[in-house]
Amino acid sequence: MKSSKFIVTGVVQGVGFRYHTKQRAVRLGLFGFAKNLPDRSVEVVVFGEQCKIDELAIWLQQGPTLASVDSVREEDTVQEIYTSFEIY
């Protein structure tokens, strides 16, 4: 099991991005959170199997229908264990 952090930029706030990210993550058996950042990007931190994190990372590049993703950047994160998926 592993933790990964992604920063998603573009039109990703006010379009259901965090909600749909949670739905996708839960379907994949991932835990963590999605959070709006002041610069209008979304931070997504997930914990789970690497192959499932990879699937989510691919989905993040597209996002939900109303989103317009410019970039998805993976950043270093401290290994943390999550037991649910939250929206902040």
PDB file of N, CA and C in Angstrom:
ATOM      1  N   MET A   1       0.845  -1.180   0.000  1.00  0.00           N
ATOM      2  CA  MET A   1       0.000   0.000   0.000  1.00  0.00           C
ATOM      3  C   MET A   1       0.888   1.240   0.000  1.00  0.00           C
ATOM      4  N   LYS A   2       0.379   2.293  -0.625  1.00  0.00           N
ATOM      5  CA  LYS A   2       1.180   3.493  -0.827  1.00  0.00           C
ATOM      6  C   LYS A   2       0.290   4.725  -0.793  1.00  0.00           C
ATOM      7  N   SER A   3       0.890   5.870  -0.486  1.00  0.00           N
ATOM      8  CA  SER A   3       0.197   7.164  -0.561  1.00  0.00           C
ATOM      9  C   SER A   3       0.736   7.948  -1.740  1.00  0.00           C
ATOM     10  N   SER A   4      -0.146   8.669  -2.428  1.00  0.00           N
ATOM     11  CA  SER A   4       0.258   9.555  -3.520  1.00  0.00           C
ATOM     12  C   SER A   4      -0.528  10.850  -3.418  1.00  0.00           C
ATOM     13  N   LYS A   5       0.106  11.938  -3.872  1.00  0.00           N
ATOM     14  CA  LYS A   5      -0.527  13.260  -3.861  1.00  0.00           C
ATOM     15  C   LYS A   5      -0.501  13.827  -5.274  1.00  0.00           C
ATOM     16  N   PHE A   6      -1.650  14.347  -5.703  1.00  0.00           N
ATOM     17  CA  PHE A   6      -1.780  14.946  -7.024  1.00  0.00           C
ATOM     18  C   PHE A   6      -2.323  16.366  -6.891  1.00  0.00           C
ATOM     19  N   ILE A   7      -1.821  17.266  -7.714  1.00  0.00           N
ATOM     20  CA  ILE A   7      -2.361  18.614  -7.828  1.00  0.00           C
ATOM     21  C   ILE A   7      -2.948  18.727  -9.235  1.00  0.00           C
ATOM     22  N   VAL A   8      -4.238  19.012  -9.301  1.00  0.00           N
ATOM     23  CA  VAL A   8      -4.947  19.078 -10.575  1.00  0.00           C
ATOM     24  C   VAL A   8      -5.305  20.542 -10.850  1.00  0.00           C
ATOM     25  N   THR A   9      -4.887  21.046 -12.017  1.00  0.00           N
ATOM     26  CA  THR A   9      -5.166  22.436 -12.372  1.00  0.00           C
ATOM     27  C   THR A   9      -6.101  22.498 -13.576  1.00  0.00           C
ATOM     28  N   GLY A  10      -6.694  23.666 -13.750  1.00  0.00           N
ATOM     29  CA  GLY A  10      -7.639  23.896 -14.835  1.00  0.00           C
ATOM     30  C   GLY A  10      -8.950  24.385 -14.249  1.00  0.00           C
ATOM     31  N   VAL A  11     -10.037  24.117 -14.942  1.00  0.00           N
ATOM     32  CA  VAL A  11     -11.362  24.428 -14.404  1.00  0.00           C
ATOM     33  C   VAL A  11     -11.794  23.205 -13.608  1.00  0.00           C
ATOM     34  N   VAL A  12     -11.406  23.181 -12.334  1.00  0.00           N
ATOM     35  CA  VAL A  12     -11.625  22.001 -11.497  1.00  0.00           C
ATOM     36  C   VAL A  12     -12.330  22.329 -10.182  1.00  0.00           C
ATOM     37  N   GLN A  13     -12.695  23.588  -9.980  1.00  0.00           N
ATOM     38  CA  GLN A  13     -13.493  23.961  -8.814  1.00  0.00           C
ATOM     39  C   GLN A  13     -14.854  24.441  -9.286  1.00  0.00           C
ATOM     40  N   GLY A  14     -15.888  24.066  -8.536  1.00  0.00           N
ATOM     41  CA  GLY A  14     -17.246  24.462  -8.901  1.00  0.00           C
ATOM     42  C   GLY A  14     -17.862  23.618  -9.999  1.00  0.00           C
ATOM     43  N   VAL A  15     -17.243  22.477 -10.303  1.00  0.00           N
ATOM     44  CA  VAL A  15     -17.747  21.606 -11.375  1.00  0.00           C
ATOM     45  C   VAL A  15     -17.947  20.161 -10.904  1.00  0.00           C
ATOM     46  N   GLY A  16     -17.951  19.943  -9.581  1.00  0.00           N
ATOM     47  CA  GLY A  16     -18.147  18.598  -9.047  1.00  0.00           C
ATOM     48  C   GLY A  16     -16.908  17.723  -9.079  1.00  0.00           C
ATOM     49  N   PHE A  17     -15.745  18.337  -9.258  1.00  0.00           N
ATOM     50  CA  PHE A  17     -14.520  17.547  -9.396  1.00  0.00           C
ATOM     51  C   PHE A  17     -14.228  16.718  -8.147  1.00  0.00           C
ATOM     52  N   ARG A  18     -14.319  17.336  -6.963  1.00  0.00           N
ATOM     53  CA  ARG A  18     -14.011  16.591  -5.732  1.00  0.00           C
ATOM     54  C   ARG A  18     -15.017  15.473  -5.504  1.00  0.00           C
ATOM     55  N   TYR A  19     -16.296  15.740  -5.731  1.00  0.00           N
ATOM     56  CA  TYR A  19     -17.338  14.728  -5.562  1.00  0.00           C
ATOM     57  C   TYR A  19     -17.079  13.527  -6.471  1.00  0.00           C
ATOM     58  N   HIS A  20     -16.828  13.789  -7.740  1.00  0.00           N
ATOM     59  CA  HIS A  20     -16.600  12.696  -8.691  1.00  0.00           C
ATOM     60  C   HIS A  20     -15.283  11.972  -8.413  1.00  0.00           C
ATOM     61  N   THR A  21     -14.291  12.709  -7.925  1.00  0.00           N
ATOM     62  CA  THR A  21     -13.027  12.068  -7.542  1.00  0.00           C
ATOM     63  C   THR A  21     -13.265  11.106  -6.390  1.00  0.00           C
ATOM     64  N   LYS A  22     -14.057  11.524  -5.418  1.00  0.00           N
ATOM     65  CA  LYS A  22     -14.382  10.637  -4.293  1.00  0.00           C
ATOM     66  C   LYS A  22     -15.100   9.389  -4.792  1.00  0.00           C
ATOM     67  N   GLN A  23     -16.092   9.569  -5.657  1.00  0.00           N
ATOM     68  CA  GLN A  23     -16.832   8.420  -6.176  1.00  0.00           C
ATOM     69  C   GLN A  23     -15.904   7.433  -6.881  1.00  0.00           C
ATOM     70  N   ARG A  24     -15.004   7.958  -7.703  1.00  0.00           N
ATOM     71  CA  ARG A  24     -14.071   7.104  -8.440  1.00  0.00           C
ATOM     72  C   ARG A  24     -13.110   6.410  -7.473  1.00  0.00           C
ATOM     73  N   ALA A  25     -12.585   7.158  -6.507  1.00  0.00           N
ATOM     74  CA  ALA A  25     -11.636   6.595  -5.541  1.00  0.00           C
ATOM     75  C   ALA A  25     -12.284   5.482  -4.723  1.00  0.00           C
ATOM     76  N   VAL A  26     -13.493   5.714  -4.247  1.00  0.00           N
ATOM     77  CA  VAL A  26     -14.197   4.702  -3.454  1.00  0.00           C
ATOM     78  C   VAL A  26     -14.429   3.455  -4.296  1.00  0.00           C
ATOM     79  N   ARG A  27     -14.828   3.636  -5.555  1.00  0.00           N
ATOM     80  CA  ARG A  27     -15.023   2.500  -6.456  1.00  0.00           C
ATOM     81  C   ARG A  27     -13.741   1.691  -6.624  1.00  0.00           C
ATOM     82  N   LEU A  28     -12.599   2.384  -6.603  1.00  0.00           N
ATOM     83  CA  LEU A  28     -11.305   1.715  -6.765  1.00  0.00           C
ATOM     84  C   LEU A  28     -10.751   1.172  -5.450  1.00  0.00           C
ATOM     85  N   GLY A  29     -11.433   1.429  -4.346  1.00  0.00           N
ATOM     86  CA  GLY A  29     -10.963   0.958  -3.048  1.00  0.00           C
ATOM     87  C   GLY A  29      -9.855   1.817  -2.463  1.00  0.00           C
ATOM     88  N   LEU A  30      -9.824   3.093  -2.841  1.00  0.00           N
ATOM     89  CA  LEU A  30      -8.806   4.016  -2.340  1.00  0.00           C
ATOM     90  C   LEU A  30      -9.372   4.881  -1.221  1.00  0.00           C
ATOM     91  N   PHE A  31      -8.488   5.353  -0.360  1.00  0.00           N
ATOM     92  CA  PHE A  31      -8.850   6.232   0.746  1.00  0.00           C
ATOM     93  C   PHE A  31      -8.031   7.506   0.643  1.00  0.00           C
ATOM     94  N   GLY A  32      -8.460   8.571   1.324  1.00  0.00           N
ATOM     95  CA  GLY A  32      -7.705   9.817   1.321  1.00  0.00           C
ATOM     96  C   GLY A  32      -8.627  11.007   1.322  1.00  0.00           C
ATOM     97  N   PHE A  33      -8.313  12.014   0.497  1.00  0.00           N
ATOM     98  CA  PHE A  33      -9.157  13.204   0.448  1.00  0.00           C
ATOM     99  C   PHE A  33      -8.943  13.987  -0.838  1.00  0.00           C
ATOM    100  N   ALA A  34      -9.913  14.866  -1.121  1.00  0.00           N
ATOM    101  CA  ALA A  34      -9.812  15.844  -2.208  1.00  0.00           C
ATOM    102  C   ALA A  34     -10.129  17.199  -1.595  1.00  0.00           C
ATOM    103  N   LYS A  35      -9.317  18.196  -1.928  1.00  0.00           N
ATOM    104  CA  LYS A  35      -9.418  19.499  -1.266  1.00  0.00           C
ATOM    105  C   LYS A  35      -9.194  20.625  -2.268  1.00  0.00           C
ATOM    106  N   ASN A  36     -10.073  21.632  -2.246  1.00  0.00           N
ATOM    107  CA  ASN A  36      -9.863  22.833  -3.052  1.00  0.00           C
ATOM    108  C   ASN A  36      -8.711  23.641  -2.465  1.00  0.00           C
ATOM    109  N   LEU A  37      -7.856  24.158  -3.328  1.00  0.00           N
ATOM    110  CA  LEU A  37      -6.751  25.013  -2.901  1.00  0.00           C
ATOM    111  C   LEU A  37      -7.035  26.459  -3.310  1.00  0.00           C
ATOM    112  N   PRO A  38      -6.421  27.426  -2.610  1.00  0.00           N
ATOM    113  CA  PRO A  38      -6.684  28.841  -2.894  1.00  0.00           C
ATOM    114  C   PRO A  38      -6.370  29.263  -4.334  1.00  0.00           C
ATOM    115  N   ASP A  39      -5.455  28.565  -4.998  1.00  0.00           N
ATOM    116  CA  ASP A  39      -5.089  28.944  -6.373  1.00  0.00           C
ATOM    117  C   ASP A  39      -6.036  28.349  -7.419  1.00  0.00           C
ATOM    118  N   ARG A  40      -7.183  27.811  -6.967  1.00  0.00           N
ATOM    119  CA  ARG A  40      -8.229  27.231  -7.823  1.00  0.00           C
ATOM    120  C   ARG A  40      -7.893  25.829  -8.335  1.00  0.00           C
ATOM    121  N   SER A  41      -6.830  25.234  -7.816  1.00  0.00           N
ATOM    122  CA  SER A  41      -6.510  23.849  -8.156  1.00  0.00           C
ATOM    123  C   SER A  41      -7.144  22.932  -7.108  1.00  0.00           C
ATOM    124  N   VAL A  42      -7.034  21.632  -7.328  1.00  0.00           N
ATOM    125  CA  VAL A  42      -7.542  20.643  -6.383  1.00  0.00           C
ATOM    126  C   VAL A  42      -6.397  19.715  -5.997  1.00  0.00           C
ATOM    127  N   GLU A  43      -6.253  19.495  -4.701  1.00  0.00           N
ATOM    128  CA  GLU A  43      -5.271  18.546  -4.167  1.00  0.00           C
ATOM    129  C   GLU A  43      -5.993  17.229  -3.913  1.00  0.00           C
ATOM    130  N   VAL A  44      -5.418  16.143  -4.400  1.00  0.00           N
ATOM    131  CA  VAL A  44      -5.976  14.808  -4.183  1.00  0.00           C
ATOM    132  C   VAL A  44      -4.882  13.956  -3.557  1.00  0.00           C
ATOM    133  N   VAL A  45      -5.153  13.429  -2.364  1.00  0.00           N
ATOM    134  CA  VAL A  45      -4.215  12.534  -1.685  1.00  0.00           C
ATOM    135  C   VAL A  45      -4.918  11.198  -1.524  1.00  0.00           C
ATOM    136  N   VAL A  46      -4.263  10.139  -1.973  1.00  0.00           N
ATOM    137  CA  VAL A  46      -4.881   8.815  -1.912  1.00  0.00           C
ATOM    138  C   VAL A  46      -3.936   7.795  -1.301  1.00  0.00           C
ATOM    139  N   PHE A  47      -4.547   6.771  -0.709  1.00  0.00           N
ATOM    140  CA  PHE A  47      -3.818   5.667  -0.097  1.00  0.00           C
ATOM    141  C   PHE A  47      -4.453   4.374  -0.578  1.00  0.00           C
ATOM    142  N   GLY A  48      -3.610   3.463  -1.076  1.00  0.00           N
ATOM    143  CA  GLY A  48      -4.125   2.179  -1.529  1.00  0.00           C
ATOM    144  C   GLY A  48      -3.111   1.451  -2.381  1.00  0.00           C
ATOM    145  N   GLU A  49      -3.599   0.501  -3.157  1.00  0.00           N
ATOM    146  CA  GLU A  49      -2.728  -0.284  -4.023  1.00  0.00           C
ATOM    147  C   GLU A  49      -2.240   0.570  -5.188  1.00  0.00           C
ATOM    148  N   GLN A  50      -0.976   0.390  -5.554  1.00  0.00           N
ATOM    149  CA  GLN A  50      -0.368   1.202  -6.613  1.00  0.00           C
ATOM    150  C   GLN A  50      -1.151   1.128  -7.921  1.00  0.00           C
ATOM    151  N   CYS A  51      -1.610  -0.054  -8.304  1.00  0.00           N
ATOM    152  CA  CYS A  51      -2.331  -0.184  -9.575  1.00  0.00           C
ATOM    153  C   CYS A  51      -3.630   0.613  -9.562  1.00  0.00           C
ATOM    154  N   LYS A  52      -4.288   0.705  -8.414  1.00  0.00           N
ATOM    155  CA  LYS A  52      -5.531   1.480  -8.296  1.00  0.00           C
ATOM    156  C   LYS A  52      -5.234   2.976  -8.303  1.00  0.00           C
ATOM    157  N   ILE A  53      -4.127   3.376  -7.664  1.00  0.00           N
ATOM    158  CA  ILE A  53      -3.706   4.779  -7.701  1.00  0.00           C
ATOM    159  C   ILE A  53      -3.402   5.178  -9.140  1.00  0.00           C
ATOM    160  N   ASP A  54      -2.752   4.292  -9.876  1.00  0.00           N
ATOM    161  CA  ASP A  54      -2.446   4.567 -11.285  1.00  0.00           C
ATOM    162  C   ASP A  54      -3.726   4.762 -12.096  1.00  0.00           C
ATOM    163  N   GLU A  55      -4.749   3.940 -11.827  1.00  0.00           N
ATOM    164  CA  GLU A  55      -6.038   4.084 -12.525  1.00  0.00           C
ATOM    165  C   GLU A  55      -6.669   5.439 -12.226  1.00  0.00           C
ATOM    166  N   LEU A  56      -6.620   5.845 -10.949  1.00  0.00           N
ATOM    167  CA  LEU A  56      -7.184   7.142 -10.587  1.00  0.00           C
ATOM    168  C   LEU A  56      -6.405   8.269 -11.254  1.00  0.00           C
ATOM    169  N   ALA A  57      -5.092   8.151 -11.298  1.00  0.00           N
ATOM    170  CA  ALA A  57      -4.257   9.187 -11.918  1.00  0.00           C
ATOM    171  C   ALA A  57      -4.634   9.384 -13.387  1.00  0.00           C
ATOM    172  N   ILE A  58      -4.922   8.302 -14.082  1.00  0.00           N
ATOM    173  CA  ILE A  58      -5.354   8.398 -15.480  1.00  0.00           C
ATOM    174  C   ILE A  58      -6.700   9.115 -15.558  1.00  0.00           C
ATOM    175  N   TRP A  59      -7.627   8.750 -14.673  1.00  0.00           N
ATOM    176  CA  TRP A  59      -8.939   9.393 -14.667  1.00  0.00           C
ATOM    177  C   TRP A  59      -8.829  10.887 -14.340  1.00  0.00           C
ATOM    178  N   LEU A  60      -7.938  11.255 -13.417  1.00  0.00           N
ATOM    179  CA  LEU A  60      -7.777  12.663 -13.033  1.00  0.00           C
ATOM    180  C   LEU A  60      -7.414  13.539 -14.231  1.00  0.00           C
ATOM    181  N   GLN A  61      -6.735  12.979 -15.210  1.00  0.00           N
ATOM    182  CA  GLN A  61      -6.334  13.755 -16.385  1.00  0.00           C
ATOM    183  C   GLN A  61      -7.542  14.219 -17.198  1.00  0.00           C
ATOM    184  N   GLN A  62      -8.642  13.514 -17.087  1.00  0.00           N
ATOM    185  CA  GLN A  62      -9.884  13.867 -17.787  1.00  0.00           C
ATOM    186  C   GLN A  62     -10.860  14.530 -16.823  1.00  0.00           C
ATOM    187  N   GLY A  63     -11.066  13.893 -15.667  1.00  0.00           N
ATOM    188  CA  GLY A  63     -12.018  14.407 -14.691  1.00  0.00           C
ATOM    189  C   GLY A  63     -13.450  14.234 -15.154  1.00  0.00           C
ATOM    190  N   PRO A  64     -14.396  14.808 -14.400  1.00  0.00           N
ATOM    191  CA  PRO A  64     -15.803  14.705 -14.779  1.00  0.00           C
ATOM    192  C   PRO A  64     -16.128  15.588 -15.986  1.00  0.00           C
ATOM    193  N   THR A  65     -17.312  15.419 -16.518  1.00  0.00           N
ATOM    194  CA  THR A  65     -17.727  16.084 -17.755  1.00  0.00           C
ATOM    195  C   THR A  65     -17.552  17.602 -17.738  1.00  0.00           C
ATOM    196  N   LEU A  66     -17.930  18.265 -16.661  1.00  0.00           N
ATOM    197  CA  LEU A  66     -17.887  19.728 -16.618  1.00  0.00           C
ATOM    198  C   LEU A  66     -16.493  20.293 -16.365  1.00  0.00           C
ATOM    199  N   ALA A  67     -15.556  19.452 -15.983  1.00  0.00           N
ATOM    200  CA  ALA A  67     -14.192  19.917 -15.701  1.00  0.00           C
ATOM    201  C   ALA A  67     -13.402  20.080 -16.994  1.00  0.00           C
ATOM    202  N   SER A  68     -12.390  20.932 -16.909  1.00  0.00           N
ATOM    203  CA  SER A  68     -11.432  21.092 -18.006  1.00  0.00           C
ATOM    204  C   SER A  68     -10.041  21.061 -17.382  1.00  0.00           C
ATOM    205  N   VAL A  69      -9.430  19.892 -17.383  1.00  0.00           N
ATOM    206  CA  VAL A  69      -8.152  19.685 -16.705  1.00  0.00           C
ATOM    207  C   VAL A  69      -7.007  20.163 -17.591  1.00  0.00           C
ATOM    208  N   ASP A  70      -6.166  21.039 -17.031  1.00  0.00           N
ATOM    209  CA  ASP A  70      -4.962  21.493 -17.732  1.00  0.00           C
ATOM    210  C   ASP A  70      -3.773  20.600 -17.431  1.00  0.00           C
ATOM    211  N   SER A  71      -3.612  20.229 -16.145  1.00  0.00           N
ATOM    212  CA  SER A  71      -2.466  19.392 -15.781  1.00  0.00           C
ATOM    213  C   SER A  71      -2.746  18.618 -14.504  1.00  0.00           C
ATOM    214  N   VAL A  72      -2.053  17.486 -14.379  1.00  0.00           N
ATOM    215  CA  VAL A  72      -2.063  16.682 -13.161  1.00  0.00           C
ATOM    216  C   VAL A  72      -0.609  16.458 -12.797  1.00  0.00           C
ATOM    217  N   ARG A  73      -0.225  16.976 -11.646  1.00  0.00           N
ATOM    218  CA  ARG A  73       1.163  16.880 -11.197  1.00  0.00           C
ATOM    219  C   ARG A  73       1.215  16.008  -9.949  1.00  0.00           C
ATOM    220  N   GLU A  74       2.054  14.983  -9.978  1.00  0.00           N
ATOM    221  CA  GLU A  74       2.235  14.152  -8.786  1.00  0.00           C
ATOM    222  C   GLU A  74       3.363  14.747  -7.962  1.00  0.00           C
ATOM    223  N   GLU A  75       3.126  14.874  -6.660  1.00  0.00           N
ATOM    224  CA  GLU A  75       4.115  15.443  -5.751  1.00  0.00           C
ATOM    225  C   GLU A  75       4.445  14.440  -4.659  1.00  0.00           C
ATOM    226  N   ASP A  76       5.599  14.645  -4.051  1.00  0.00           N
ATOM    227  CA  ASP A  76       5.983  13.808  -2.917  1.00  0.00           C
ATOM    228  C   ASP A  76       5.000  14.019  -1.774  1.00  0.00           C
ATOM    229  N   THR A  77       4.746  12.967  -1.041  1.00  0.00           N
ATOM    230  CA  THR A  77       3.872  13.052   0.125  1.00  0.00           C
ATOM    231  C   THR A  77       4.400  12.126   1.207  1.00  0.00           C
ATOM    232  N   VAL A  78       4.073  12.449   2.428  1.00  0.00           N
ATOM    233  CA  VAL A  78       4.431  11.601   3.557  1.00  0.00           C
ATOM    234  C   VAL A  78       3.493  10.402   3.541  1.00  0.00           C
ATOM    235  N   GLN A  79       4.038   9.224   3.761  1.00  0.00           N
ATOM    236  CA  GLN A  79       3.216   8.013   3.787  1.00  0.00           C
ATOM    237  C   GLN A  79       2.241   8.102   4.955  1.00  0.00           C
ATOM    238  N   GLU A  80       0.963   8.154   4.646  1.00  0.00           N
ATOM    239  CA  GLU A  80      -0.071   8.181   5.671  1.00  0.00           C
ATOM    240  C   GLU A  80      -1.109   7.127   5.342  1.00  0.00           C
ATOM    241  N   ILE A  81      -1.738   6.619   6.380  1.00  0.00           N
ATOM    242  CA  ILE A  81      -2.779   5.616   6.210  1.00  0.00           C
ATOM    243  C   ILE A  81      -4.129   6.287   6.446  1.00  0.00           C
ATOM    244  N   TYR A  82      -5.014   6.180   5.477  1.00  0.00           N
ATOM    245  CA  TYR A  82      -6.367   6.729   5.581  1.00  0.00           C
ATOM    246  C   TYR A  82      -7.351   5.569   5.599  1.00  0.00           C
ATOM    247  N   THR A  83      -8.498   5.776   6.240  1.00  0.00           N
ATOM    248  CA  THR A  83      -9.501   4.714   6.330  1.00  0.00           C
ATOM    249  C   THR A  83     -10.838   5.120   5.710  1.00  0.00           C
ATOM    250  N   SER A  84     -10.881   6.297   5.107  1.00  0.00           N
ATOM    251  CA  SER A  84     -12.085   6.778   4.424  1.00  0.00           C
ATOM    252  C   SER A  84     -11.636   7.764   3.352  1.00  0.00           C
ATOM    253  N   PHE A  85     -12.579   8.283   2.585  1.00  0.00           N
ATOM    254  CA  PHE A  85     -12.254   9.317   1.605  1.00  0.00           C
ATOM    255  C   PHE A  85     -13.112  10.529   1.923  1.00  0.00           C
ATOM    256  N   GLU A  86     -12.467  11.655   2.173  1.00  0.00           N
ATOM    257  CA  GLU A  86     -13.153  12.876   2.592  1.00  0.00           C
ATOM    258  C   GLU A  86     -13.036  13.963   1.529  1.00  0.00           C
ATOM    259  N   ILE A  87     -13.966  14.900   1.576  1.00  0.00           N
ATOM    260  CA  ILE A  87     -13.926  16.090   0.727  1.00  0.00           C
ATOM    261  C   ILE A  87     -13.783  17.293   1.646  1.00  0.00           C
ATOM    262  N   TYR A  88     -12.786  18.110   1.364  1.00  0.00           N
ATOM    263  CA  TYR A  88     -12.558  19.340   2.153  1.00  0.00           C
ATOM    264  C   TYR A  88     -12.683  20.539   1.255  1.00  0.00           C
TER     265      TYR A  88
END
